Amino acid sequence: AGRVQIPHGIRGIYCTLPYGDHPPQALGCHTDGHPFHLGVVGYIDDVPPNGGSFMVWPESHRAFYPTFTSQYLRDQDEAAYEKVRTAFNQRPPVDTHGQAGDIVFWHHRLGHMASPNTSRQLRQAVLYDFLKKDIEQTQQEPPQKDMWRDWSDEMHAIAL
């Protein structure tokens, strides 16, 4: 308790437009390039399957994490990152569709994207990044043997 910065706002409201008659984009994951510990996506409206949801590649955080030269900054070994990205793009992602008010928590190195929206409605979601108070002191440290080192004992017990 007390280890997370007090929120001062959200990252923003992210909308995914319906594709209409256009073919959907190819699926491809990425990781975010700014320092944070835990991401949150909250759906404002119901999001049906293939409705532009937050799409994730399970376990990709384990593979992406060591491709970076620091724990939280965007300074990766580009060749290693692309190798991991290419490998995960061959795997099926998970479409995290849901109802209004549902939230998705995700590790900052998890491969993700906004899925193609083949529904007829606009997808709206609120995104927020949780940061620990010591982010300034730890963000430049190299990736740790235990990628959960900076997380709570409760998270360590889950062992994701």
N, C-alpha and C. Protein backbone atom coordinates (compact mmCIF):
# COMPACT_ATOMS: atom_id res chain seq x y z
N ALA A 1 0.83 -1.18 0.00
CA ALA A 1 0.00 0.00 0.00
C ALA A 1 0.87 1.24 0.00
N GLY A 2 0.46 2.25 -0.72
CA GLY A 2 1.19 3.50 -0.74
C GLY A 2 2.38 3.52 -1.67
N ARG A 3 2.56 2.47 -2.48
CA ARG A 3 3.72 2.41 -3.36
C ARG A 3 3.43 2.90 -4.77
N VAL A 4 2.15 3.17 -5.07
CA VAL A 4 1.74 3.60 -6.40
C VAL A 4 1.47 5.10 -6.40
N GLN A 5 1.90 5.78 -7.48
CA GLN A 5 1.64 7.21 -7.60
C GLN A 5 0.14 7.48 -7.62
N ILE A 6 -0.24 8.60 -7.04
CA ILE A 6 -1.64 9.02 -7.05
C ILE A 6 -2.00 9.45 -8.47
N PRO A 7 -3.10 8.93 -9.03
CA PRO A 7 -3.48 9.29 -10.40
C PRO A 7 -3.76 10.78 -10.55
N HIS A 8 -3.29 11.34 -11.66
CA HIS A 8 -3.53 12.75 -11.98
C HIS A 8 -4.33 12.89 -13.27
N GLY A 9 -4.73 11.78 -13.83
CA GLY A 9 -5.48 11.79 -15.08
C GLY A 9 -5.35 10.44 -15.74
N ILE A 10 -5.92 10.31 -16.93
CA ILE A 10 -5.86 9.06 -17.67
C ILE A 10 -5.00 9.26 -18.90
N ARG A 11 -4.62 8.16 -19.54
CA ARG A 11 -3.87 8.26 -20.79
C ARG A 11 -4.77 8.85 -21.87
N GLY A 12 -6.04 8.50 -21.81
CA GLY A 12 -6.99 9.04 -22.78
C GLY A 12 -8.12 8.08 -23.04
N ILE A 13 -9.08 8.56 -23.82
CA ILE A 13 -10.15 7.71 -24.31
C ILE A 13 -9.74 7.28 -25.72
N TYR A 14 -9.61 6.00 -25.90
CA TYR A 14 -9.17 5.44 -27.18
C TYR A 14 -10.37 4.86 -27.90
N CYS A 15 -10.54 5.28 -29.13
CA CYS A 15 -11.66 4.81 -29.94
C CYS A 15 -11.12 4.02 -31.13
N THR A 16 -11.83 2.96 -31.49
CA THR A 16 -11.51 2.18 -32.68
C THR A 16 -12.72 2.22 -33.59
N LEU A 17 -12.53 2.82 -34.75
CA LEU A 17 -13.62 2.97 -35.71
C LEU A 17 -13.95 1.64 -36.38
N PRO A 18 -15.21 1.44 -36.74
CA PRO A 18 -15.58 0.25 -37.51
C PRO A 18 -14.91 0.30 -38.89
N TYR A 19 -14.53 -0.85 -39.41
CA TYR A 19 -13.88 -0.92 -40.72
C TYR A 19 -14.85 -0.72 -41.87
N GLY A 20 -16.12 -0.97 -41.63
CA GLY A 20 -17.09 -0.85 -42.72
C GLY A 20 -16.81 -1.90 -43.78
N ASP A 21 -16.75 -1.47 -45.04
CA ASP A 21 -16.51 -2.39 -46.14
C ASP A 21 -15.03 -2.62 -46.43
N HIS A 22 -14.16 -1.98 -45.68
CA HIS A 22 -12.72 -2.13 -45.90
C HIS A 22 -12.22 -3.42 -45.26
N PRO A 23 -11.22 -4.05 -45.87
CA PRO A 23 -10.68 -5.27 -45.25
C PRO A 23 -9.94 -4.93 -43.95
N PRO A 24 -10.05 -5.79 -42.95
CA PRO A 24 -9.37 -5.52 -41.67
C PRO A 24 -7.85 -5.55 -41.84
N GLN A 25 -7.17 -4.80 -40.99
CA GLN A 25 -5.71 -4.78 -41.00
C GLN A 25 -5.18 -6.12 -40.53
N ALA A 26 -3.93 -6.40 -40.88
CA ALA A 26 -3.27 -7.61 -40.41
C ALA A 26 -3.05 -7.50 -38.90
N LEU A 27 -3.07 -8.63 -38.22
CA LEU A 27 -2.83 -8.64 -36.78
C LEU A 27 -1.33 -8.59 -36.53
N GLY A 28 -0.92 -7.74 -35.61
CA GLY A 28 0.49 -7.62 -35.26
C GLY A 28 0.67 -6.92 -33.94
N CYS A 29 1.40 -7.54 -33.05
CA CYS A 29 1.56 -6.98 -31.71
C CYS A 29 2.69 -5.96 -31.64
N HIS A 30 2.64 -5.14 -30.61
CA HIS A 30 3.70 -4.20 -30.27
C HIS A 30 3.70 -4.05 -28.76
N THR A 31 4.72 -3.39 -28.24
CA THR A 31 4.74 -3.01 -26.82
C THR A 31 4.80 -1.50 -26.76
N ASP A 32 4.36 -0.93 -25.65
CA ASP A 32 4.36 0.52 -25.51
C ASP A 32 5.75 1.04 -25.15
N GLY A 33 5.99 2.29 -25.53
CA GLY A 33 7.32 2.85 -25.39
C GLY A 33 7.52 3.85 -24.28
N HIS A 34 6.64 3.92 -23.34
CA HIS A 34 6.82 4.87 -22.24
C HIS A 34 6.86 4.10 -20.92
N PRO A 35 7.51 4.66 -19.90
CA PRO A 35 7.64 3.92 -18.64
C PRO A 35 6.35 3.87 -17.82
N PHE A 36 5.96 2.65 -17.46
CA PHE A 36 4.85 2.41 -16.53
C PHE A 36 4.97 0.97 -16.05
N HIS A 37 4.22 0.62 -15.05
CA HIS A 37 4.28 -0.73 -14.49
C HIS A 37 3.12 -1.62 -14.93
N LEU A 38 1.91 -1.09 -14.84
CA LEU A 38 0.72 -1.88 -15.09
C LEU A 38 -0.27 -1.05 -15.89
N GLY A 39 -0.71 -1.59 -17.01
CA GLY A 39 -1.69 -0.91 -17.83
C GLY A 39 -3.10 -1.40 -17.53
N VAL A 40 -4.06 -0.50 -17.75
CA VAL A 40 -5.47 -0.84 -17.55
C VAL A 40 -6.26 -0.33 -18.76
N VAL A 41 -7.12 -1.18 -19.28
CA VAL A 41 -8.08 -0.80 -20.32
C VAL A 41 -9.46 -0.99 -19.72
N GLY A 42 -10.28 0.05 -19.76
CA GLY A 42 -11.66 -0.03 -19.26
C GLY A 42 -12.63 0.27 -20.38
N TYR A 43 -13.55 -0.64 -20.63
CA TYR A 43 -14.52 -0.44 -21.71
C TYR A 43 -15.65 0.48 -21.27
N ILE A 44 -15.92 1.49 -22.08
CA ILE A 44 -17.00 2.44 -21.82
C ILE A 44 -18.35 1.84 -22.26
N ASP A 45 -18.34 1.13 -23.36
CA ASP A 45 -19.53 0.48 -23.91
C ASP A 45 -19.26 -1.02 -24.04
N ASP A 46 -20.29 -1.79 -24.30
CA ASP A 46 -20.09 -3.20 -24.61
C ASP A 46 -19.22 -3.31 -25.86
N VAL A 47 -18.28 -4.25 -25.84
CA VAL A 47 -17.40 -4.49 -26.98
C VAL A 47 -17.60 -5.94 -27.41
N PRO A 48 -18.24 -6.15 -28.57
CA PRO A 48 -18.49 -7.52 -29.02
C PRO A 48 -17.21 -8.16 -29.57
N PRO A 49 -17.21 -9.48 -29.74
CA PRO A 49 -16.06 -10.11 -30.40
C PRO A 49 -15.81 -9.44 -31.75
N ASN A 50 -14.54 -9.24 -32.07
CA ASN A 50 -14.13 -8.55 -33.30
C ASN A 50 -14.64 -7.12 -33.37
N GLY A 51 -14.83 -6.51 -32.20
CA GLY A 51 -15.36 -5.16 -32.13
C GLY A 51 -14.32 -4.11 -31.78
N GLY A 52 -13.05 -4.37 -32.10
CA GLY A 52 -12.00 -3.39 -31.82
C GLY A 52 -11.46 -3.47 -30.41
N SER A 53 -11.61 -4.62 -29.78
CA SER A 53 -11.17 -4.78 -28.39
C SER A 53 -9.65 -4.69 -28.25
N PHE A 54 -9.21 -4.67 -27.02
CA PHE A 54 -7.80 -4.76 -26.69
C PHE A 54 -7.41 -6.22 -26.91
N MET A 55 -6.51 -6.46 -27.86
CA MET A 55 -6.10 -7.81 -28.22
C MET A 55 -4.71 -8.05 -27.65
N VAL A 56 -4.50 -9.21 -27.04
CA VAL A 56 -3.22 -9.51 -26.39
C VAL A 56 -2.65 -10.84 -26.88
N TRP A 57 -1.33 -10.96 -26.74
CA TRP A 57 -0.62 -12.19 -27.04
C TRP A 57 -0.14 -12.76 -25.71
N PRO A 58 -0.85 -13.79 -25.20
CA PRO A 58 -0.50 -14.35 -23.90
C PRO A 58 0.96 -14.77 -23.81
N GLU A 59 1.55 -14.50 -22.67
CA GLU A 59 2.93 -14.85 -22.32
C GLU A 59 3.98 -14.05 -23.08
N SER A 60 3.57 -13.14 -23.96
CA SER A 60 4.56 -12.38 -24.73
C SER A 60 5.40 -11.47 -23.83
N HIS A 61 4.86 -11.04 -22.69
CA HIS A 61 5.63 -10.18 -21.78
C HIS A 61 6.90 -10.88 -21.31
N ARG A 62 6.85 -12.19 -21.15
CA ARG A 62 8.03 -12.95 -20.72
C ARG A 62 9.13 -12.93 -21.77
N ALA A 63 8.73 -12.96 -23.03
CA ALA A 63 9.70 -12.96 -24.13
C ALA A 63 10.18 -11.55 -24.47
N PHE A 64 9.29 -10.56 -24.43
CA PHE A 64 9.69 -9.19 -24.75
C PHE A 64 10.58 -8.57 -23.67
N TYR A 65 10.29 -8.84 -22.40
CA TYR A 65 10.99 -8.20 -21.28
C TYR A 65 12.52 -8.22 -21.43
N PRO A 66 13.15 -9.38 -21.71
CA PRO A 66 14.61 -9.37 -21.80
C PRO A 66 15.18 -8.76 -23.08
N THR A 67 14.32 -8.39 -24.05
CA THR A 67 14.84 -7.75 -25.26
C THR A 67 15.13 -6.27 -25.06
N PHE A 68 14.71 -5.74 -23.91
CA PHE A 68 14.95 -4.33 -23.59
C PHE A 68 16.22 -4.21 -22.76
N THR A 69 16.91 -3.08 -22.87
CA THR A 69 18.13 -2.87 -22.09
C THR A 69 17.85 -2.21 -20.75
N SER A 70 16.61 -1.78 -20.54
CA SER A 70 16.22 -1.26 -19.23
C SER A 70 14.84 -1.83 -18.89
N GLN A 71 14.48 -1.76 -17.61
CA GLN A 71 13.21 -2.33 -17.18
C GLN A 71 11.99 -1.65 -17.78
N TYR A 72 12.03 -0.32 -17.89
CA TYR A 72 10.81 0.40 -18.22
C TYR A 72 10.92 1.37 -19.40
N LEU A 73 12.11 1.69 -19.86
CA LEU A 73 12.26 2.62 -20.97
C LEU A 73 12.16 1.90 -22.31
N ARG A 74 11.99 2.66 -23.38
CA ARG A 74 11.88 2.10 -24.73
C ARG A 74 13.27 2.06 -25.37
N ASP A 75 14.09 1.15 -24.95
CA ASP A 75 15.45 1.04 -25.47
C ASP A 75 15.81 -0.43 -25.63
N GLN A 76 15.20 -1.04 -26.63
CA GLN A 76 15.38 -2.47 -26.81
C GLN A 76 16.48 -2.80 -27.80
N ASP A 77 16.92 -4.05 -27.76
CA ASP A 77 17.77 -4.63 -28.79
C ASP A 77 16.82 -4.88 -29.97
N GLU A 78 16.90 -4.05 -30.98
CA GLU A 78 15.91 -4.07 -32.07
C GLU A 78 15.81 -5.43 -32.74
N ALA A 79 16.94 -6.09 -32.99
CA ALA A 79 16.90 -7.40 -33.65
C ALA A 79 16.21 -8.43 -32.77
N ALA A 80 16.51 -8.44 -31.49
CA ALA A 80 15.88 -9.38 -30.55
C ALA A 80 14.39 -9.10 -30.43
N TYR A 81 14.04 -7.82 -30.34
CA TYR A 81 12.63 -7.42 -30.24
C TYR A 81 11.84 -7.90 -31.46
N GLU A 82 12.38 -7.66 -32.65
CA GLU A 82 11.69 -8.05 -33.88
C GLU A 82 11.57 -9.56 -34.01
N LYS A 83 12.58 -10.28 -33.54
CA LYS A 83 12.53 -11.74 -33.56
C LYS A 83 11.37 -12.24 -32.69
N VAL A 84 11.24 -11.67 -31.49
CA VAL A 84 10.14 -12.05 -30.59
C VAL A 84 8.80 -11.64 -31.19
N ARG A 85 8.75 -10.43 -31.72
CA ARG A 85 7.50 -9.93 -32.30
C ARG A 85 7.04 -10.82 -33.47
N THR A 86 7.97 -11.18 -34.33
CA THR A 86 7.65 -12.05 -35.46
C THR A 86 7.14 -13.41 -34.99
N ALA A 87 7.79 -13.97 -33.97
CA ALA A 87 7.37 -15.27 -33.44
C ALA A 87 5.96 -15.19 -32.84
N PHE A 88 5.69 -14.16 -32.07
CA PHE A 88 4.36 -14.05 -31.45
C PHE A 88 3.29 -13.70 -32.47
N ASN A 89 3.64 -13.00 -33.53
CA ASN A 89 2.65 -12.69 -34.56
C ASN A 89 2.20 -13.94 -35.32
N GLN A 90 2.93 -15.05 -35.16
CA GLN A 90 2.52 -16.32 -35.75
C GLN A 90 1.54 -17.07 -34.86
N ARG A 91 1.38 -16.60 -33.62
CA ARG A 91 0.48 -17.25 -32.66
C ARG A 91 -0.87 -16.53 -32.64
N PRO A 92 -1.91 -17.25 -32.26
CA PRO A 92 -3.22 -16.59 -32.19
C PRO A 92 -3.31 -15.68 -30.96
N PRO A 93 -3.76 -14.45 -31.14
CA PRO A 93 -3.95 -13.55 -30.00
C PRO A 93 -5.29 -13.83 -29.32
N VAL A 94 -5.50 -13.17 -28.19
CA VAL A 94 -6.76 -13.27 -27.45
C VAL A 94 -7.50 -11.94 -27.58
N ASP A 95 -8.72 -12.02 -28.04
CA ASP A 95 -9.60 -10.85 -28.19
C ASP A 95 -10.30 -10.65 -26.85
N THR A 96 -9.95 -9.59 -26.13
CA THR A 96 -10.51 -9.37 -24.78
C THR A 96 -11.79 -8.54 -24.85
N HIS A 97 -12.74 -9.01 -25.65
CA HIS A 97 -14.03 -8.33 -25.74
C HIS A 97 -14.72 -8.38 -24.38
N GLY A 98 -15.70 -7.50 -24.17
CA GLY A 98 -16.35 -7.49 -22.87
C GLY A 98 -17.51 -6.52 -22.81
N GLN A 99 -18.02 -6.35 -21.62
CA GLN A 99 -19.17 -5.48 -21.40
C GLN A 99 -18.71 -4.13 -20.86
N ALA A 100 -19.58 -3.15 -20.96
CA ALA A 100 -19.29 -1.82 -20.40
C ALA A 100 -18.90 -1.97 -18.94
N GLY A 101 -17.80 -1.35 -18.57
CA GLY A 101 -17.32 -1.43 -17.19
C GLY A 101 -16.28 -2.50 -16.96
N ASP A 102 -16.13 -3.45 -17.89
CA ASP A 102 -15.10 -4.47 -17.74
C ASP A 102 -13.73 -3.83 -17.90
N ILE A 103 -12.75 -4.38 -17.18
CA ILE A 103 -11.38 -3.86 -17.27
C ILE A 103 -10.41 -5.00 -17.55
N VAL A 104 -9.32 -4.64 -18.21
CA VAL A 104 -8.23 -5.57 -18.50
C VAL A 104 -6.97 -4.98 -17.88
N PHE A 105 -6.31 -5.74 -17.03
CA PHE A 105 -5.01 -5.34 -16.47
C PHE A 105 -3.94 -6.04 -17.29
N TRP A 106 -2.84 -5.33 -17.57
CA TRP A 106 -1.80 -5.95 -18.39
C TRP A 106 -0.40 -5.43 -18.02
N HIS A 107 0.57 -6.34 -18.13
CA HIS A 107 1.99 -6.05 -17.87
C HIS A 107 2.51 -5.10 -18.95
N HIS A 108 3.38 -4.19 -18.56
CA HIS A 108 3.84 -3.16 -19.49
C HIS A 108 4.61 -3.68 -20.70
N ARG A 109 5.09 -4.91 -20.68
CA ARG A 109 5.81 -5.49 -21.82
C ARG A 109 4.96 -6.51 -22.59
N LEU A 110 3.66 -6.56 -22.33
CA LEU A 110 2.79 -7.50 -23.03
C LEU A 110 2.53 -7.03 -24.46
N GLY A 111 2.68 -7.93 -25.42
CA GLY A 111 2.36 -7.62 -26.81
C GLY A 111 0.86 -7.45 -26.96
N HIS A 112 0.45 -6.39 -27.65
CA HIS A 112 -0.97 -6.08 -27.77
C HIS A 112 -1.24 -5.23 -29.01
N MET A 113 -2.52 -5.02 -29.28
CA MET A 113 -2.98 -4.10 -30.33
C MET A 113 -4.48 -3.89 -30.14
N ALA A 114 -5.02 -2.89 -30.80
CA ALA A 114 -6.48 -2.75 -30.90
C ALA A 114 -6.90 -3.66 -32.04
N SER A 115 -7.80 -4.59 -31.74
CA SER A 115 -8.20 -5.55 -32.78
C SER A 115 -9.00 -4.85 -33.88
N PRO A 116 -9.00 -5.42 -35.07
CA PRO A 116 -9.82 -4.85 -36.13
C PRO A 116 -11.29 -4.81 -35.70
N ASN A 117 -11.92 -3.69 -35.94
CA ASN A 117 -13.32 -3.52 -35.54
C ASN A 117 -14.22 -3.82 -36.72
N THR A 118 -14.72 -5.05 -36.77
CA THR A 118 -15.63 -5.44 -37.85
C THR A 118 -17.10 -5.33 -37.43
N SER A 119 -17.32 -4.76 -36.24
CA SER A 119 -18.71 -4.52 -35.80
C SER A 119 -19.21 -3.24 -36.46
N ARG A 120 -20.40 -2.83 -36.11
CA ARG A 120 -20.95 -1.61 -36.67
C ARG A 120 -20.96 -0.48 -35.66
N GLN A 121 -20.23 -0.65 -34.55
CA GLN A 121 -20.22 0.39 -33.52
C GLN A 121 -18.79 0.84 -33.22
N LEU A 122 -18.69 2.06 -32.76
CA LEU A 122 -17.42 2.63 -32.33
C LEU A 122 -17.00 1.96 -31.02
N ARG A 123 -15.75 1.52 -30.92
CA ARG A 123 -15.25 0.97 -29.65
C ARG A 123 -14.62 2.11 -28.87
N GLN A 124 -15.05 2.30 -27.61
CA GLN A 124 -14.50 3.33 -26.74
C GLN A 124 -13.94 2.68 -25.48
N ALA A 125 -12.72 3.07 -25.13
CA ALA A 125 -12.09 2.53 -23.93
C ALA A 125 -11.25 3.61 -23.28
N VAL A 126 -11.18 3.55 -21.96
CA VAL A 126 -10.32 4.44 -21.19
C VAL A 126 -9.05 3.67 -20.87
N LEU A 127 -7.89 4.29 -21.10
CA LEU A 127 -6.61 3.65 -20.77
C LEU A 127 -5.92 4.42 -19.66
N TYR A 128 -5.30 3.68 -18.77
CA TYR A 128 -4.57 4.27 -17.66
C TYR A 128 -3.31 3.45 -17.40
N ASP A 129 -2.26 4.12 -16.98
CA ASP A 129 -1.00 3.47 -16.64
C ASP A 129 -0.70 3.68 -15.17
N PHE A 130 -0.54 2.58 -14.43
CA PHE A 130 -0.11 2.67 -13.04
C PHE A 130 1.40 2.75 -12.99
N LEU A 131 1.90 3.66 -12.15
CA LEU A 131 3.34 3.83 -11.94
C LEU A 131 3.63 3.76 -10.45
N LYS A 132 4.70 3.06 -10.13
CA LYS A 132 5.12 3.08 -8.73
C LYS A 132 5.86 4.38 -8.46
N LYS A 133 5.90 4.76 -7.21
CA LYS A 133 6.55 6.02 -6.82
C LYS A 133 8.03 6.04 -7.17
N ASP A 134 8.67 4.88 -7.24
CA ASP A 134 10.11 4.83 -7.50
C ASP A 134 10.46 4.62 -8.98
N ILE A 135 9.52 4.89 -9.88
CA ILE A 135 9.76 4.67 -11.31
C ILE A 135 11.00 5.43 -11.80
N GLU A 136 11.20 6.64 -11.32
CA GLU A 136 12.37 7.44 -11.75
C GLU A 136 13.68 6.75 -11.37
N GLN A 137 13.70 6.10 -10.22
CA GLN A 137 14.92 5.45 -9.74
C GLN A 137 15.14 4.08 -10.40
N THR A 138 14.09 3.39 -10.80
CA THR A 138 14.24 2.03 -11.31
C THR A 138 14.11 1.89 -12.82
N GLN A 139 13.64 2.91 -13.51
CA GLN A 139 13.34 2.74 -14.94
C GLN A 139 14.56 2.45 -15.80
N GLN A 140 15.74 2.91 -15.39
CA GLN A 140 16.93 2.70 -16.21
C GLN A 140 17.71 1.45 -15.82
N GLU A 141 17.30 0.77 -14.76
CA GLU A 141 17.98 -0.46 -14.37
C GLU A 141 17.77 -1.51 -15.45
N PRO A 142 18.73 -2.41 -15.63
CA PRO A 142 18.55 -3.46 -16.64
C PRO A 142 17.42 -4.41 -16.25
N PRO A 143 16.90 -5.16 -17.22
CA PRO A 143 15.88 -6.15 -16.88
C PRO A 143 16.42 -7.09 -15.80
N GLN A 144 15.56 -7.42 -14.86
CA GLN A 144 15.96 -8.24 -13.72
C GLN A 144 15.72 -9.72 -14.01
N LYS A 145 16.48 -10.56 -13.33
CA LYS A 145 16.27 -12.01 -13.46
C LYS A 145 14.82 -12.34 -13.09
N ASP A 146 14.31 -11.68 -12.06
CA ASP A 146 12.91 -11.81 -11.65
C ASP A 146 12.16 -10.60 -12.18
N MET A 147 11.42 -10.77 -13.27
CA MET A 147 10.73 -9.64 -13.88
C MET A 147 9.66 -9.03 -12.98
N TRP A 148 9.32 -9.71 -11.89
CA TRP A 148 8.31 -9.23 -10.95
C TRP A 148 8.96 -8.60 -9.71
N ARG A 149 10.24 -8.37 -9.73
CA ARG A 149 10.97 -7.85 -8.57
C ARG A 149 10.32 -6.61 -7.96
N ASP A 150 9.88 -5.69 -8.79
CA ASP A 150 9.33 -4.42 -8.31
C ASP A 150 7.85 -4.51 -7.96
N TRP A 151 7.26 -5.68 -8.05
CA TRP A 151 5.83 -5.87 -7.82
C TRP A 151 5.59 -6.34 -6.40
N SER A 152 4.36 -6.32 -5.98
CA SER A 152 3.98 -6.68 -4.61
C SER A 152 4.16 -8.18 -4.35
N ASP A 153 4.19 -8.53 -3.08
CA ASP A 153 4.26 -9.94 -2.69
C ASP A 153 3.06 -10.72 -3.23
N GLU A 154 1.92 -10.06 -3.31
CA GLU A 154 0.73 -10.71 -3.84
C GLU A 154 0.91 -11.10 -5.31
N MET A 155 1.54 -10.22 -6.08
CA MET A 155 1.81 -10.54 -7.48
C MET A 155 2.84 -11.66 -7.59
N HIS A 156 3.84 -11.64 -6.73
CA HIS A 156 4.84 -12.72 -6.74
C HIS A 156 4.17 -14.06 -6.49
N ALA A 157 3.17 -14.09 -5.62
CA ALA A 157 2.48 -15.34 -5.29
C ALA A 157 1.71 -15.90 -6.48
N ILE A 158 1.25 -15.03 -7.37
CA ILE A 158 0.50 -15.48 -8.54
C ILE A 158 1.42 -16.13 -9.56
N ALA A 159 2.65 -15.60 -9.69
CA ALA A 159 3.66 -16.13 -10.61
C ALA A 159 3.15 -16.26 -12.04
N LEU A 160 2.80 -15.13 -12.64
CA LEU A 160 2.30 -15.13 -14.02
C LEU A 160 3.43 -15.32 -14.99
